[in-house]
PDB file of all heavy atoms in Angstrom:
ATOM      1  N   PHE A   1     -11.349  81.134 -73.098  1.00  0.00           N
ATOM      2  CA  PHE A   1     -12.275  80.692 -74.071  1.00  0.00           C
ATOM      3  C   PHE A   1     -12.983  81.889 -74.597  1.00  0.00           C
ATOM      4  O   PHE A   1     -13.952  82.412 -74.017  1.00  0.00           O
ATOM      5  CB  PHE A   1     -13.307  79.648 -73.466  1.00  0.00           C
ATOM      6  CG  PHE A   1     -14.024  78.856 -74.517  1.00  0.00           C
ATOM      7  CD1 PHE A   1     -13.669  77.581 -74.796  1.00  0.00           C
ATOM      8  CD2 PHE A   1     -15.151  79.453 -75.108  1.00  0.00           C
ATOM      9  CE1 PHE A   1     -14.396  76.853 -75.721  1.00  0.00           C
ATOM     10  CE2 PHE A   1     -15.906  78.764 -76.051  1.00  0.00           C
ATOM     11  CZ  PHE A   1     -15.516  77.415 -76.359  1.00  0.00           C
ATOM     12  N   LYS A   2     -12.451  82.373 -75.755  1.00  0.00           N
ATOM     13  CA  LYS A   2     -12.921  83.610 -76.348  1.00  0.00           C
ATOM     14  C   LYS A   2     -12.936  84.691 -75.269  1.00  0.00           C
ATOM     15  O   LYS A   2     -11.942  84.811 -74.623  1.00  0.00           O
ATOM     16  CB  LYS A   2     -14.292  83.394 -77.036  1.00  0.00           C
ATOM     17  CG  LYS A   2     -14.189  82.227 -78.026  1.00  0.00           C
ATOM     18  CD  LYS A   2     -15.508  82.004 -78.734  1.00  0.00           C
ATOM     19  CE  LYS A   2     -15.294  80.759 -79.628  1.00  0.00           C
ATOM     20  NZ  LYS A   2     -16.473  80.344 -80.313  1.00  0.00           N
ATOM     21  N   LYS A   3     -13.982  85.458 -75.128  1.00  0.00           N
ATOM     22  CA  LYS A   3     -13.985  86.464 -74.071  1.00  0.00           C
ATOM     23  C   LYS A   3     -14.945  86.057 -72.908  1.00  0.00           C
ATOM     24  O   LYS A   3     -15.418  86.869 -72.130  1.00  0.00           O
ATOM     25  CB  LYS A   3     -14.442  87.821 -74.667  1.00  0.00           C
ATOM     26  CG  LYS A   3     -13.401  88.308 -75.623  1.00  0.00           C
ATOM     27  CD  LYS A   3     -13.775  89.677 -76.198  1.00  0.00           C
ATOM     28  CE  LYS A   3     -12.708  90.083 -77.147  1.00  0.00           C
ATOM     29  NZ  LYS A   3     -12.810  91.425 -77.624  1.00  0.00           N
ATOM     30  N   LEU A   4     -15.196  84.730 -72.819  1.00  0.00           N
ATOM     31  CA  LEU A   4     -16.186  84.230 -71.874  1.00  0.00           C
ATOM     32  C   LEU A   4     -15.610  84.258 -70.432  1.00  0.00           C
ATOM     33  O   LEU A   4     -14.481  83.919 -70.180  1.00  0.00           O
ATOM     34  CB  LEU A   4     -16.471  82.770 -72.292  1.00  0.00           C
ATOM     35  CG  LEU A   4     -17.529  82.076 -71.451  1.00  0.00           C
ATOM     36  CD1 LEU A   4     -18.940  82.764 -71.665  1.00  0.00           C
ATOM     37  CD2 LEU A   4     -17.603  80.608 -71.895  1.00  0.00           C
ATOM     38  N   HIS A   5     -16.517  84.676 -69.511  1.00  0.00           N
ATOM     39  CA  HIS A   5     -16.276  84.581 -68.114  1.00  0.00           C
ATOM     40  C   HIS A   5     -17.298  83.624 -67.548  1.00  0.00           C
ATOM     41  O   HIS A   5     -18.468  83.798 -67.789  1.00  0.00           O
ATOM     42  CB  HIS A   5     -16.479  85.984 -67.390  1.00  0.00           C
ATOM     43  CG  HIS A   5     -15.298  86.903 -67.766  1.00  0.00           C
ATOM     44  ND1 HIS A   5     -14.281  87.135 -66.788  1.00  0.00           N
ATOM     45  CD2 HIS A   5     -15.009  87.593 -68.807  1.00  0.00           C
ATOM     46  CE1 HIS A   5     -13.455  87.951 -67.343  1.00  0.00           C
ATOM     47  NE2 HIS A   5     -13.851  88.273 -68.529  1.00  0.00           N
ATOM     48  N   LEU A   6     -16.856  82.596 -66.856  1.00  0.00           N
ATOM     49  CA  LEU A   6     -17.672  81.544 -66.413  1.00  0.00           C
ATOM     50  C   LEU A   6     -17.242  80.862 -65.107  1.00  0.00           C
ATOM     51  O   LEU A   6     -16.026  80.739 -64.959  1.00  0.00           O
ATOM     52  CB  LEU A   6     -17.637  80.404 -67.537  1.00  0.00           C
ATOM     53  CG  LEU A   6     -18.459  79.211 -67.376  1.00  0.00           C
ATOM     54  CD1 LEU A   6     -19.966  79.466 -67.498  1.00  0.00           C
ATOM     55  CD2 LEU A   6     -18.065  78.114 -68.390  1.00  0.00           C
ATOM     56  N   MET A   7     -18.104  80.615 -64.255  1.00  0.00           N
ATOM     57  CA  MET A   7     -17.894  79.872 -63.009  1.00  0.00           C
ATOM     58  C   MET A   7     -18.923  78.774 -62.925  1.00  0.00           C
ATOM     59  O   MET A   7     -20.095  79.084 -62.592  1.00  0.00           O
ATOM     60  CB  MET A   7     -17.875  80.799 -61.775  1.00  0.00           C
ATOM     61  CG  MET A   7     -16.802  81.789 -61.760  1.00  0.00           C
ATOM     62  SD  MET A   7     -16.832  82.775 -60.199  1.00  0.00           S
ATOM     63  CE  MET A   7     -16.088  81.551 -59.066  1.00  0.00           C
ATOM     64  N   LYS A   8     -18.536  77.583 -63.219  1.00  0.00           N
ATOM     65  CA  LYS A   8     -19.479  76.486 -63.355  1.00  0.00           C
ATOM     66  C   LYS A   8     -18.785  75.180 -62.937  1.00  0.00           C
ATOM     67  O   LYS A   8     -17.851  74.746 -63.615  1.00  0.00           O
ATOM     68  CB  LYS A   8     -19.989  76.416 -64.826  1.00  0.00           C
ATOM     69  CG  LYS A   8     -21.200  75.576 -65.022  1.00  0.00           C
ATOM     70  CD  LYS A   8     -21.595  75.782 -66.531  1.00  0.00           C
ATOM     71  CE  LYS A   8     -23.009  75.345 -66.776  1.00  0.00           C
ATOM     72  NZ  LYS A   8     -23.259  75.389 -68.159  1.00  0.00           N
ATOM     73  N   ASN A   9     -19.233  74.604 -61.888  1.00  0.00           N
ATOM     74  CA  ASN A   9     -18.649  73.303 -61.371  1.00  0.00           C
ATOM     75  C   ASN A   9     -17.157  73.346 -61.389  1.00  0.00           C
ATOM     76  O   ASN A   9     -16.558  74.089 -60.709  1.00  0.00           O
ATOM     77  CB  ASN A   9     -19.232  72.167 -62.201  1.00  0.00           C
ATOM     78  CG  ASN A   9     -20.738  72.026 -61.976  1.00  0.00           C
ATOM     79  OD1 ASN A   9     -21.264  72.352 -60.965  1.00  0.00           O
ATOM     80  ND2 ASN A   9     -21.416  71.625 -63.015  1.00  0.00           N
ATOM     81  N   ASN A  10     -16.581  72.532 -62.246  1.00  0.00           N
ATOM     82  CA  ASN A  10     -15.104  72.452 -62.318  1.00  0.00           C
ATOM     83  C   ASN A  10     -14.464  73.257 -63.450  1.00  0.00           C
ATOM     84  O   ASN A  10     -13.377  72.979 -63.821  1.00  0.00           O
ATOM     85  CB  ASN A  10     -14.639  70.955 -62.386  1.00  0.00           C
ATOM     86  CG  ASN A  10     -15.136  70.322 -63.688  1.00  0.00           C
ATOM     87  OD1 ASN A  10     -16.084  70.785 -64.269  1.00  0.00           O
ATOM     88  ND2 ASN A  10     -14.561  69.195 -64.039  1.00  0.00           N
ATOM     89  N   LEU A  11     -15.240  74.269 -63.914  1.00  0.00           N
ATOM     90  CA  LEU A  11     -14.756  75.086 -64.977  1.00  0.00           C
ATOM     91  C   LEU A  11     -14.881  76.575 -64.632  1.00  0.00           C
ATOM     92  O   LEU A  11     -16.008  77.063 -64.484  1.00  0.00           O
ATOM     93  CB  LEU A  11     -15.499  74.831 -66.338  1.00  0.00           C
ATOM     94  CG  LEU A  11     -15.127  75.533 -67.553  1.00  0.00           C
ATOM     95  CD1 LEU A  11     -13.657  75.326 -67.881  1.00  0.00           C
ATOM     96  CD2 LEU A  11     -15.961  75.061 -68.702  1.00  0.00           C
ATOM     97  N   VAL A  12     -13.717  77.233 -64.501  1.00  0.00           N
ATOM     98  CA  VAL A  12     -13.752  78.676 -64.259  1.00  0.00           C
ATOM     99  C   VAL A  12     -12.901  79.231 -65.378  1.00  0.00           C
ATOM    100  O   VAL A  12     -11.779  78.929 -65.691  1.00  0.00           O
ATOM    101  CB  VAL A  12     -13.066  78.949 -62.931  1.00  0.00           C
ATOM    102  CG1 VAL A  12     -13.001  80.481 -62.660  1.00  0.00           C
ATOM    103  CG2 VAL A  12     -13.798  78.285 -61.796  1.00  0.00           C
ATOM    104  N   LEU A  13     -13.491  80.273 -65.990  1.00  0.00           N
ATOM    105  CA  LEU A  13     -12.888  81.012 -67.136  1.00  0.00           C
ATOM    106  C   LEU A  13     -12.943  82.545 -66.955  1.00  0.00           C
ATOM    107  O   LEU A  13     -13.999  82.940 -66.570  1.00  0.00           O
ATOM    108  CB  LEU A  13     -13.574  80.640 -68.455  1.00  0.00           C
ATOM    109  CG  LEU A  13     -13.448  79.168 -68.870  1.00  0.00           C
ATOM    110  CD1 LEU A  13     -14.324  78.889 -70.064  1.00  0.00           C
ATOM    111  CD2 LEU A  13     -11.987  78.806 -69.232  1.00  0.00           C
ATOM    112  N   PRO A  14     -11.855  83.155 -67.226  1.00  0.00           N
ATOM    113  CA  PRO A  14     -10.483  82.679 -67.513  1.00  0.00           C
ATOM    114  C   PRO A  14      -9.943  81.815 -66.336  1.00  0.00           C
ATOM    115  O   PRO A  14     -10.449  81.912 -65.270  1.00  0.00           O
ATOM    116  CB  PRO A  14      -9.685  83.978 -67.691  1.00  0.00           C
ATOM    117  CG  PRO A  14     -10.578  85.132 -67.809  1.00  0.00           C
ATOM    118  CD  PRO A  14     -11.872  84.631 -67.208  1.00  0.00           C
ATOM    119  N   HIS A  15      -8.980  81.055 -66.683  1.00  0.00           N
ATOM    120  CA  HIS A  15      -8.369  80.244 -65.602  1.00  0.00           C
ATOM    121  C   HIS A  15      -7.981  81.083 -64.401  1.00  0.00           C
ATOM    122  O   HIS A  15      -7.321  82.081 -64.568  1.00  0.00           O
ATOM    123  CB  HIS A  15      -7.157  79.485 -66.205  1.00  0.00           C
ATOM    124  CG  HIS A  15      -6.593  78.445 -65.227  1.00  0.00           C
ATOM    125  ND1 HIS A  15      -5.883  78.753 -64.151  1.00  0.00           N
ATOM    126  CD2 HIS A  15      -6.741  77.044 -65.289  1.00  0.00           C
ATOM    127  CE1 HIS A  15      -5.569  77.640 -63.467  1.00  0.00           C
ATOM    128  NE2 HIS A  15      -6.023  76.631 -64.198  1.00  0.00           N
ATOM    129  N   PRO A  16      -8.431  80.663 -63.237  1.00  0.00           N
ATOM    130  CA  PRO A  16      -8.276  81.572 -62.083  1.00  0.00           C
ATOM    131  C   PRO A  16      -6.897  81.917 -61.644  1.00  0.00           C
ATOM    132  O   PRO A  16      -6.653  82.971 -60.952  1.00  0.00           O
ATOM    133  CB  PRO A  16      -9.048  80.859 -60.987  1.00  0.00           C
ATOM    134  CG  PRO A  16      -9.102  79.434 -61.329  1.00  0.00           C
ATOM    135  CD  PRO A  16      -9.083  79.425 -62.855  1.00  0.00           C
ATOM    136  N   ARG A  17      -5.878  81.149 -61.945  1.00  0.00           N
ATOM    137  CA  ARG A  17      -4.501  81.497 -61.446  1.00  0.00           C
ATOM    138  C   ARG A  17      -3.520  81.700 -62.503  1.00  0.00           C
ATOM    139  O   ARG A  17      -2.373  81.869 -62.262  1.00  0.00           O
ATOM    140  CB  ARG A  17      -4.022  80.245 -60.487  1.00  0.00           C
ATOM    141  CG  ARG A  17      -4.820  80.206 -59.214  1.00  0.00           C
ATOM    142  CD  ARG A  17      -4.593  78.899 -58.413  1.00  0.00           C
ATOM    143  NE  ARG A  17      -4.793  77.639 -59.205  1.00  0.00           N
ATOM    144  CZ  ARG A  17      -5.989  77.119 -59.459  1.00  0.00           C
ATOM    145  NH1 ARG A  17      -7.063  77.686 -59.080  1.00  0.00           N
ATOM    146  NH2 ARG A  17      -6.049  76.024 -60.126  1.00  0.00           N
ATOM    147  N   MET A  18      -3.960  81.733 -63.745  1.00  0.00           N
ATOM    148  CA  MET A  18      -3.056  81.883 -64.871  1.00  0.00           C
ATOM    149  C   MET A  18      -2.219  83.216 -64.806  1.00  0.00           C
ATOM    150  O   MET A  18      -1.102  83.264 -65.222  1.00  0.00           O
ATOM    151  CB  MET A  18      -3.775  81.756 -66.237  1.00  0.00           C
ATOM    152  CG  MET A  18      -4.731  82.912 -66.511  1.00  0.00           C
ATOM    153  SD  MET A  18      -5.569  82.737 -68.089  1.00  0.00           S
ATOM    154  CE  MET A  18      -4.277  83.188 -69.186  1.00  0.00           C
ATOM    155  N   HIS A  19      -2.797  84.243 -64.254  1.00  0.00           N
ATOM    156  CA  HIS A  19      -2.159  85.544 -64.242  1.00  0.00           C
ATOM    157  C   HIS A  19      -1.005  85.577 -63.255  1.00  0.00           C
ATOM    158  O   HIS A  19      -0.206  86.596 -63.240  1.00  0.00           O
ATOM    159  CB  HIS A  19      -3.208  86.607 -63.898  1.00  0.00           C
ATOM    160  CG  HIS A  19      -3.784  86.518 -62.503  1.00  0.00           C
ATOM    161  ND1 HIS A  19      -4.715  85.639 -62.205  1.00  0.00           N
ATOM    162  CD2 HIS A  19      -3.533  87.232 -61.386  1.00  0.00           C
ATOM    163  CE1 HIS A  19      -5.001  85.732 -60.911  1.00  0.00           C
ATOM    164  NE2 HIS A  19      -4.319  86.709 -60.431  1.00  0.00           N
ATOM    165  N   GLU A  20      -0.829  84.548 -62.397  1.00  0.00           N
ATOM    166  CA  GLU A  20       0.264  84.512 -61.420  1.00  0.00           C
ATOM    167  C   GLU A  20       1.308  83.514 -61.785  1.00  0.00           C
ATOM    168  O   GLU A  20       2.236  83.349 -61.024  1.00  0.00           O
ATOM    169  CB  GLU A  20      -0.362  84.044 -60.116  1.00  0.00           C
ATOM    170  CG  GLU A  20      -1.513  84.882 -59.576  1.00  0.00           C
ATOM    171  CD  GLU A  20      -2.213  84.172 -58.379  1.00  0.00           C
ATOM    172  OE1 GLU A  20      -2.242  82.950 -58.278  1.00  0.00           O
ATOM    173  OE2 GLU A  20      -2.742  84.949 -57.555  1.00  0.00           O
ATOM    174  N   ARG A  21       1.205  82.875 -62.884  1.00  0.00           N
ATOM    175  CA  ARG A  21       2.108  81.691 -63.202  1.00  0.00           C
ATOM    176  C   ARG A  21       2.924  81.973 -64.487  1.00  0.00           C
ATOM    177  O   ARG A  21       2.385  81.986 -65.575  1.00  0.00           O
ATOM    178  CB  ARG A  21       1.245  80.414 -63.365  1.00  0.00           C
ATOM    179  CG  ARG A  21       0.598  80.112 -62.080  1.00  0.00           C
ATOM    180  CD  ARG A  21      -0.210  78.878 -62.117  1.00  0.00           C
ATOM    181  NE  ARG A  21      -0.624  78.454 -60.833  1.00  0.00           N
ATOM    182  CZ  ARG A  21      -1.465  77.493 -60.545  1.00  0.00           C
ATOM    183  NH1 ARG A  21      -2.021  76.861 -61.615  1.00  0.00           N
ATOM    184  NH2 ARG A  21      -1.809  77.147 -59.360  1.00  0.00           N
ATOM    185  N   LEU A  22       4.202  82.167 -64.272  1.00  0.00           N
ATOM    186  CA  LEU A  22       5.103  82.410 -65.417  1.00  0.00           C
ATOM    187  C   LEU A  22       5.069  81.210 -66.396  1.00  0.00           C
ATOM    188  O   LEU A  22       5.225  81.401 -67.630  1.00  0.00           O
ATOM    189  CB  LEU A  22       6.547  82.648 -64.957  1.00  0.00           C
ATOM    190  CG  LEU A  22       6.881  84.043 -64.542  1.00  0.00           C
ATOM    191  CD1 LEU A  22       8.339  84.110 -64.098  1.00  0.00           C
ATOM    192  CD2 LEU A  22       6.597  85.009 -65.690  1.00  0.00           C
ATOM    193  N   PHE A  23       4.893  79.995 -65.912  1.00  0.00           N
ATOM    194  CA  PHE A  23       4.865  78.814 -66.796  1.00  0.00           C
ATOM    195  C   PHE A  23       3.664  78.843 -67.739  1.00  0.00           C
ATOM    196  O   PHE A  23       3.649  78.109 -68.722  1.00  0.00           O
ATOM    197  CB  PHE A  23       4.963  77.488 -66.050  1.00  0.00           C
ATOM    198  CG  PHE A  23       3.786  77.219 -65.163  1.00  0.00           C
ATOM    199  CD1 PHE A  23       2.691  76.541 -65.714  1.00  0.00           C
ATOM    200  CD2 PHE A  23       3.862  77.435 -63.814  1.00  0.00           C
ATOM    201  CE1 PHE A  23       1.635  76.212 -64.882  1.00  0.00           C
ATOM    202  CE2 PHE A  23       2.809  77.092 -62.987  1.00  0.00           C
ATOM    203  CZ  PHE A  23       1.679  76.507 -63.549  1.00  0.00           C
ATOM    204  N   VAL A  24       2.688  79.648 -67.471  1.00  0.00           N
ATOM    205  CA  VAL A  24       1.587  79.897 -68.369  1.00  0.00           C
ATOM    206  C   VAL A  24       1.786  81.179 -69.175  1.00  0.00           C
ATOM    207  O   VAL A  24       1.605  81.200 -70.285  1.00  0.00           O
ATOM    208  CB  VAL A  24       0.191  79.984 -67.611  1.00  0.00           C
ATOM    209  CG1 VAL A  24      -0.902  80.407 -68.470  1.00  0.00           C
ATOM    210  CG2 VAL A  24      -0.099  78.594 -66.961  1.00  0.00           C
ATOM    211  N   LEU A  25       2.140  82.238 -68.471  1.00  0.00           N
ATOM    212  CA  LEU A  25       2.237  83.552 -69.061  1.00  0.00           C
ATOM    213  C   LEU A  25       3.306  83.637 -70.188  1.00  0.00           C
ATOM    214  O   LEU A  25       3.017  84.207 -71.235  1.00  0.00           O
ATOM    215  CB  LEU A  25       2.547  84.593 -68.010  1.00  0.00           C
ATOM    216  CG  LEU A  25       1.440  84.843 -66.942  1.00  0.00           C
ATOM    217  CD1 LEU A  25       1.930  85.753 -65.822  1.00  0.00           C
ATOM    218  CD2 LEU A  25       0.192  85.396 -67.638  1.00  0.00           C
ATOM    219  N   LEU A  26       4.460  83.051 -69.976  1.00  0.00           N
ATOM    220  CA  LEU A  26       5.512  83.152 -70.982  1.00  0.00           C
ATOM    221  C   LEU A  26       5.191  82.466 -72.264  1.00  0.00           C
ATOM    222  O   LEU A  26       5.314  83.024 -73.313  1.00  0.00           O
ATOM    223  CB  LEU A  26       6.826  82.648 -70.391  1.00  0.00           C
ATOM    224  CG  LEU A  26       7.469  83.613 -69.332  1.00  0.00           C
ATOM    225  CD1 LEU A  26       8.810  82.970 -68.757  1.00  0.00           C
ATOM    226  CD2 LEU A  26       7.759  84.994 -69.886  1.00  0.00           C
ATOM    227  N   PRO A  27       4.711  81.158 -72.250  1.00  0.00           N
ATOM    228  CA  PRO A  27       4.313  80.572 -73.515  1.00  0.00           C
ATOM    229  C   PRO A  27       3.091  81.211 -74.184  1.00  0.00           C
ATOM    230  O   PRO A  27       3.010  81.379 -75.332  1.00  0.00           O
ATOM    231  CB  PRO A  27       4.001  79.081 -73.174  1.00  0.00           C
ATOM    232  CG  PRO A  27       4.048  78.952 -71.711  1.00  0.00           C
ATOM    233  CD  PRO A  27       4.690  80.185 -71.123  1.00  0.00           C
ATOM    234  N   LEU A  28       2.177  81.777 -73.312  1.00  0.00           N
ATOM    235  CA  LEU A  28       1.016  82.519 -73.800  1.00  0.00           C
ATOM    236  C   LEU A  28       1.433  83.727 -74.508  1.00  0.00           C
ATOM    237  O   LEU A  28       1.011  84.150 -75.604  1.00  0.00           O
ATOM    238  CB  LEU A  28      -0.056  82.725 -72.672  1.00  0.00           C
ATOM    239  CG  LEU A  28      -1.294  83.499 -73.146  1.00  0.00           C
ATOM    240  CD1 LEU A  28      -2.015  82.726 -74.238  1.00  0.00           C
ATOM    241  CD2 LEU A  28      -2.180  83.686 -71.900  1.00  0.00           C
ATOM    242  N   PHE A  29       2.303  84.513 -73.858  1.00  0.00           N
ATOM    243  CA  PHE A  29       2.910  85.765 -74.419  1.00  0.00           C
ATOM    244  C   PHE A  29       3.593  85.477 -75.732  1.00  0.00           C
ATOM    245  O   PHE A  29       3.487  86.300 -76.688  1.00  0.00           O
ATOM    246  CB  PHE A  29       3.883  86.375 -73.464  1.00  0.00           C
ATOM    247  CG  PHE A  29       4.515  87.648 -73.929  1.00  0.00           C
ATOM    248  CD1 PHE A  29       3.773  88.824 -73.918  1.00  0.00           C
ATOM    249  CD2 PHE A  29       5.761  87.627 -74.417  1.00  0.00           C
ATOM    250  CE1 PHE A  29       4.345  90.028 -74.347  1.00  0.00           C
ATOM    251  CE2 PHE A  29       6.339  88.842 -74.882  1.00  0.00           C
ATOM    252  CZ  PHE A  29       5.639  90.019 -74.837  1.00  0.00           C
ATOM    253  N   GLU A  30       4.258  84.366 -75.859  1.00  0.00           N
ATOM    254  CA  GLU A  30       4.984  83.976 -77.118  1.00  0.00           C
ATOM    255  C   GLU A  30       3.992  83.935 -78.311  1.00  0.00           C
ATOM    256  O   GLU A  30       4.382  84.408 -79.382  1.00  0.00           O
ATOM    257  CB  GLU A  30       5.653  82.646 -76.953  1.00  0.00           C
ATOM    258  CG  GLU A  30       6.412  82.219 -78.126  1.00  0.00           C
ATOM    259  CD  GLU A  30       7.090  80.835 -77.971  1.00  0.00           C
ATOM    260  OE1 GLU A  30       7.322  80.419 -76.806  1.00  0.00           O
ATOM    261  OE2 GLU A  30       7.306  80.256 -79.042  1.00  0.00           O
TER     262      GLU A  30
END
């Protein structure tokens, strides 16, 4: 979410595991 870093209840930004998941990284890279 823009350049926001946030840890609040059920919302953590950037998503905490996205950097380990090809199913997120490949479409994001596209």
